[in-house]
Amino acid sequence: MTRTFTGGMAATVLPADYQRIMSVLESDAAREGMRCQQLAAALGLQAVPAKVEGLRSKAKRLVERGWALQTRPGVFIQLGAPAD
């Protein structure tokens, strides 16, 4: 399913790394939100500080650009998902 977000654009306009993050945030596993360590595991990455911080930076960019929400410090969900 292709979801539309900011300005009616599909997530396919995003770079590949951001599309992968969005696909995880759209999954049932992320319904309650995901921490970056969980995102790393879901993406098949090691949960080492360098990888986790890189994901955190990208997730925050998705929030700034209207593609995702940060419900609590360090917890991210897809835009349009119910917040706590």
N, C-alpha and C. Protein backbone atom coordinates (compact mmCIF):
# COMPACT_ATOMS: atom_id res chain seq x y z
N MET A 1 0.85 -1.18 0.00
CA MET A 1 0.00 0.00 0.00
C MET A 1 0.89 1.24 0.00
N THR A 2 0.63 2.18 -0.87
CA THR A 2 1.37 3.43 -0.91
C THR A 2 0.59 4.47 -0.14
N ARG A 3 1.19 4.94 0.93
CA ARG A 3 0.55 5.94 1.78
C ARG A 3 0.99 7.32 1.33
N THR A 4 0.10 8.29 1.47
CA THR A 4 0.45 9.66 1.15
C THR A 4 0.56 10.46 2.43
N PHE A 5 1.44 11.42 2.45
CA PHE A 5 1.68 12.23 3.63
C PHE A 5 1.78 13.69 3.22
N THR A 6 2.86 14.30 3.52
CA THR A 6 3.08 15.71 3.33
C THR A 6 2.69 16.17 1.93
N GLY A 7 1.74 17.08 1.87
CA GLY A 7 1.33 17.67 0.60
C GLY A 7 0.80 16.65 -0.40
N GLY A 8 0.31 15.51 0.08
CA GLY A 8 -0.22 14.49 -0.80
C GLY A 8 0.83 13.65 -1.50
N MET A 9 2.10 13.82 -1.12
CA MET A 9 3.18 13.05 -1.74
C MET A 9 3.24 11.65 -1.14
N ALA A 10 3.60 10.68 -1.95
CA ALA A 10 3.80 9.31 -1.48
C ALA A 10 5.18 9.19 -0.85
N ALA A 11 5.32 8.25 0.06
CA ALA A 11 6.60 8.03 0.73
C ALA A 11 7.69 7.62 -0.26
N THR A 12 7.30 7.23 -1.46
CA THR A 12 8.31 6.83 -2.46
C THR A 12 9.17 8.00 -2.92
N VAL A 13 8.79 9.23 -2.59
CA VAL A 13 9.63 10.38 -2.95
C VAL A 13 10.82 10.51 -2.02
N LEU A 14 10.78 9.79 -0.90
CA LEU A 14 11.87 9.86 0.08
C LEU A 14 13.06 9.02 -0.37
N PRO A 15 14.27 9.37 0.10
CA PRO A 15 15.43 8.51 -0.15
C PRO A 15 15.20 7.12 0.46
N ALA A 16 15.90 6.13 -0.06
CA ALA A 16 15.69 4.73 0.32
C ALA A 16 15.77 4.49 1.83
N ASP A 17 16.74 5.08 2.53
CA ASP A 17 16.85 4.87 3.98
C ASP A 17 15.61 5.38 4.70
N TYR A 18 15.08 6.50 4.28
CA TYR A 18 13.89 7.06 4.90
C TYR A 18 12.65 6.23 4.57
N GLN A 19 12.60 5.68 3.36
CA GLN A 19 11.49 4.80 3.00
C GLN A 19 11.48 3.56 3.88
N ARG A 20 12.66 3.02 4.16
CA ARG A 20 12.76 1.84 5.03
C ARG A 20 12.27 2.16 6.43
N ILE A 21 12.63 3.31 6.95
CA ILE A 21 12.17 3.72 8.29
C ILE A 21 10.66 3.86 8.28
N MET A 22 10.12 4.51 7.25
CA MET A 22 8.67 4.69 7.17
C MET A 22 7.95 3.35 7.07
N SER A 23 8.52 2.40 6.35
CA SER A 23 7.86 1.09 6.23
C SER A 23 7.78 0.39 7.59
N VAL A 24 8.80 0.57 8.41
CA VAL A 24 8.77 -0.01 9.77
C VAL A 24 7.74 0.74 10.61
N LEU A 25 7.72 2.07 10.53
CA LEU A 25 6.77 2.85 11.33
C LEU A 25 5.32 2.57 10.92
N GLU A 26 5.10 2.14 9.69
CA GLU A 26 3.75 1.81 9.22
C GLU A 26 3.32 0.41 9.62
N SER A 27 4.25 -0.41 10.10
CA SER A 27 3.93 -1.80 10.45
C SER A 27 3.16 -1.88 11.76
N ASP A 28 2.52 -3.02 11.98
CA ASP A 28 1.78 -3.25 13.22
C ASP A 28 2.69 -3.19 14.44
N ALA A 29 3.95 -3.58 14.27
CA ALA A 29 4.90 -3.58 15.38
C ALA A 29 5.12 -2.17 15.93
N ALA A 30 4.89 -1.15 15.11
CA ALA A 30 5.14 0.23 15.53
C ALA A 30 3.87 0.95 15.96
N ARG A 31 2.79 0.23 16.11
CA ARG A 31 1.50 0.85 16.44
C ARG A 31 1.58 1.73 17.69
N GLU A 32 2.31 1.27 18.70
CA GLU A 32 2.46 2.03 19.95
C GLU A 32 3.65 2.96 19.92
N GLY A 33 4.37 3.00 18.81
CA GLY A 33 5.57 3.81 18.69
C GLY A 33 6.80 2.95 18.84
N MET A 34 7.90 3.42 18.32
CA MET A 34 9.15 2.66 18.39
C MET A 34 10.29 3.56 18.81
N ARG A 35 11.14 3.00 19.64
CA ARG A 35 12.40 3.65 19.99
C ARG A 35 13.41 3.31 18.88
N CYS A 36 14.46 4.09 18.81
CA CYS A 36 15.44 3.89 17.74
C CYS A 36 16.16 2.55 17.83
N GLN A 37 16.34 2.01 19.05
CA GLN A 37 16.93 0.68 19.19
C GLN A 37 16.02 -0.36 18.55
N GLN A 38 14.71 -0.20 18.72
CA GLN A 38 13.75 -1.10 18.11
C GLN A 38 13.73 -0.95 16.59
N LEU A 39 13.83 0.30 16.13
CA LEU A 39 13.91 0.54 14.69
C LEU A 39 15.13 -0.15 14.09
N ALA A 40 16.26 -0.04 14.78
CA ALA A 40 17.49 -0.67 14.29
C ALA A 40 17.29 -2.18 14.15
N ALA A 41 16.71 -2.81 15.17
CA ALA A 41 16.49 -4.26 15.12
C ALA A 41 15.53 -4.61 13.99
N ALA A 42 14.47 -3.83 13.82
CA ALA A 42 13.49 -4.11 12.76
C ALA A 42 14.09 -3.94 11.37
N LEU A 43 15.10 -3.10 11.25
CA LEU A 43 15.76 -2.88 9.97
C LEU A 43 16.94 -3.83 9.75
N GLY A 44 17.19 -4.71 10.73
CA GLY A 44 18.29 -5.67 10.60
C GLY A 44 19.65 -5.07 10.88
N LEU A 45 19.68 -3.95 11.60
CA LEU A 45 20.94 -3.30 11.95
C LEU A 45 21.33 -3.66 13.37
N GLN A 46 22.62 -3.59 13.65
CA GLN A 46 23.07 -3.78 15.02
C GLN A 46 22.66 -2.57 15.84
N ALA A 47 22.23 -2.79 17.08
CA ALA A 47 21.80 -1.69 17.94
C ALA A 47 23.00 -1.07 18.65
N VAL A 48 24.01 -0.68 17.87
CA VAL A 48 25.19 -0.01 18.41
C VAL A 48 24.96 1.50 18.34
N PRO A 49 25.61 2.26 19.20
CA PRO A 49 25.35 3.71 19.24
C PRO A 49 25.41 4.43 17.90
N ALA A 50 26.36 4.10 17.06
CA ALA A 50 26.48 4.80 15.77
C ALA A 50 25.25 4.58 14.90
N LYS A 51 24.76 3.36 14.84
CA LYS A 51 23.57 3.05 14.03
C LYS A 51 22.32 3.67 14.64
N VAL A 52 22.18 3.55 15.96
CA VAL A 52 21.00 4.08 16.65
C VAL A 52 20.93 5.60 16.51
N GLU A 53 22.04 6.28 16.67
CA GLU A 53 22.05 7.74 16.56
C GLU A 53 21.78 8.18 15.13
N GLY A 54 22.26 7.43 14.16
CA GLY A 54 21.95 7.74 12.76
C GLY A 54 20.46 7.61 12.48
N LEU A 55 19.84 6.57 13.03
CA LEU A 55 18.39 6.39 12.88
C LEU A 55 17.62 7.49 13.59
N ARG A 56 18.10 7.88 14.78
CA ARG A 56 17.43 8.94 15.54
C ARG A 56 17.45 10.25 14.74
N SER A 57 18.57 10.55 14.12
CA SER A 57 18.70 11.75 13.31
C SER A 57 17.72 11.72 12.13
N LYS A 58 17.64 10.58 11.46
CA LYS A 58 16.74 10.45 10.31
C LYS A 58 15.28 10.51 10.76
N ALA A 59 14.96 9.86 11.88
CA ALA A 59 13.58 9.88 12.38
C ALA A 59 13.18 11.31 12.75
N LYS A 60 14.09 12.06 13.35
CA LYS A 60 13.78 13.45 13.69
C LYS A 60 13.58 14.30 12.44
N ARG A 61 14.33 14.01 11.38
CA ARG A 61 14.12 14.72 10.11
C ARG A 61 12.75 14.40 9.54
N LEU A 62 12.32 13.15 9.65
CA LEU A 62 10.98 12.78 9.18
C LEU A 62 9.91 13.53 9.96
N VAL A 63 10.13 13.74 11.26
CA VAL A 63 9.19 14.51 12.09
C VAL A 63 9.18 15.97 11.63
N GLU A 64 10.36 16.56 11.47
CA GLU A 64 10.47 17.96 11.07
C GLU A 64 9.79 18.22 9.72
N ARG A 65 9.82 17.23 8.85
CA ARG A 65 9.28 17.40 7.50
C ARG A 65 7.86 16.89 7.35
N GLY A 66 7.25 16.49 8.48
CA GLY A 66 5.84 16.13 8.46
C GLY A 66 5.51 14.72 8.01
N TRP A 67 6.45 13.80 8.10
CA TRP A 67 6.21 12.42 7.69
C TRP A 67 5.95 11.50 8.88
N ALA A 68 6.40 11.88 10.07
CA ALA A 68 6.26 11.04 11.27
C ALA A 68 6.00 11.95 12.46
N LEU A 69 5.69 11.33 13.59
CA LEU A 69 5.46 12.06 14.85
C LEU A 69 6.36 11.50 15.93
N GLN A 70 6.78 12.36 16.83
CA GLN A 70 7.52 11.93 18.02
C GLN A 70 6.55 12.09 19.18
N THR A 71 6.04 10.97 19.70
CA THR A 71 5.00 11.02 20.73
C THR A 71 5.56 11.30 22.12
N ARG A 72 6.74 10.79 22.38
CA ARG A 72 7.47 11.01 23.62
C ARG A 72 8.93 11.13 23.22
N PRO A 73 9.78 11.63 24.09
CA PRO A 73 11.19 11.72 23.72
C PRO A 73 11.73 10.36 23.26
N GLY A 74 12.20 10.31 22.02
CA GLY A 74 12.79 9.10 21.48
C GLY A 74 11.83 8.05 20.98
N VAL A 75 10.53 8.34 20.96
CA VAL A 75 9.53 7.38 20.49
C VAL A 75 8.84 7.96 19.26
N PHE A 76 8.88 7.21 18.16
CA PHE A 76 8.38 7.69 16.87
C PHE A 76 7.26 6.80 16.36
N ILE A 77 6.27 7.44 15.69
CA ILE A 77 5.19 6.73 15.03
C ILE A 77 4.97 7.37 13.67
N GLN A 78 4.24 6.68 12.82
CA GLN A 78 3.90 7.26 11.51
C GLN A 78 2.93 8.41 11.69
N LEU A 79 2.93 9.34 10.79
CA LEU A 79 1.98 10.43 10.80
C LEU A 79 0.58 9.85 10.59
N GLY A 80 -0.36 10.29 11.37
CA GLY A 80 -1.73 9.79 11.25
C GLY A 80 -2.04 8.65 12.18
N ALA A 81 -1.02 8.10 12.85
CA ALA A 81 -1.27 7.04 13.83
C ALA A 81 -1.76 7.69 15.12
N PRO A 82 -2.59 7.01 15.90
CA PRO A 82 -3.08 7.59 17.14
C PRO A 82 -1.94 7.79 18.13
N ALA A 83 -1.82 8.96 18.69
CA ALA A 83 -0.79 9.26 19.69
C ALA A 83 -1.31 8.92 21.07
N ASP A 84 -0.38 8.67 22.01
CA ASP A 84 -0.76 8.37 23.40
C ASP A 84 -1.42 9.56 24.06
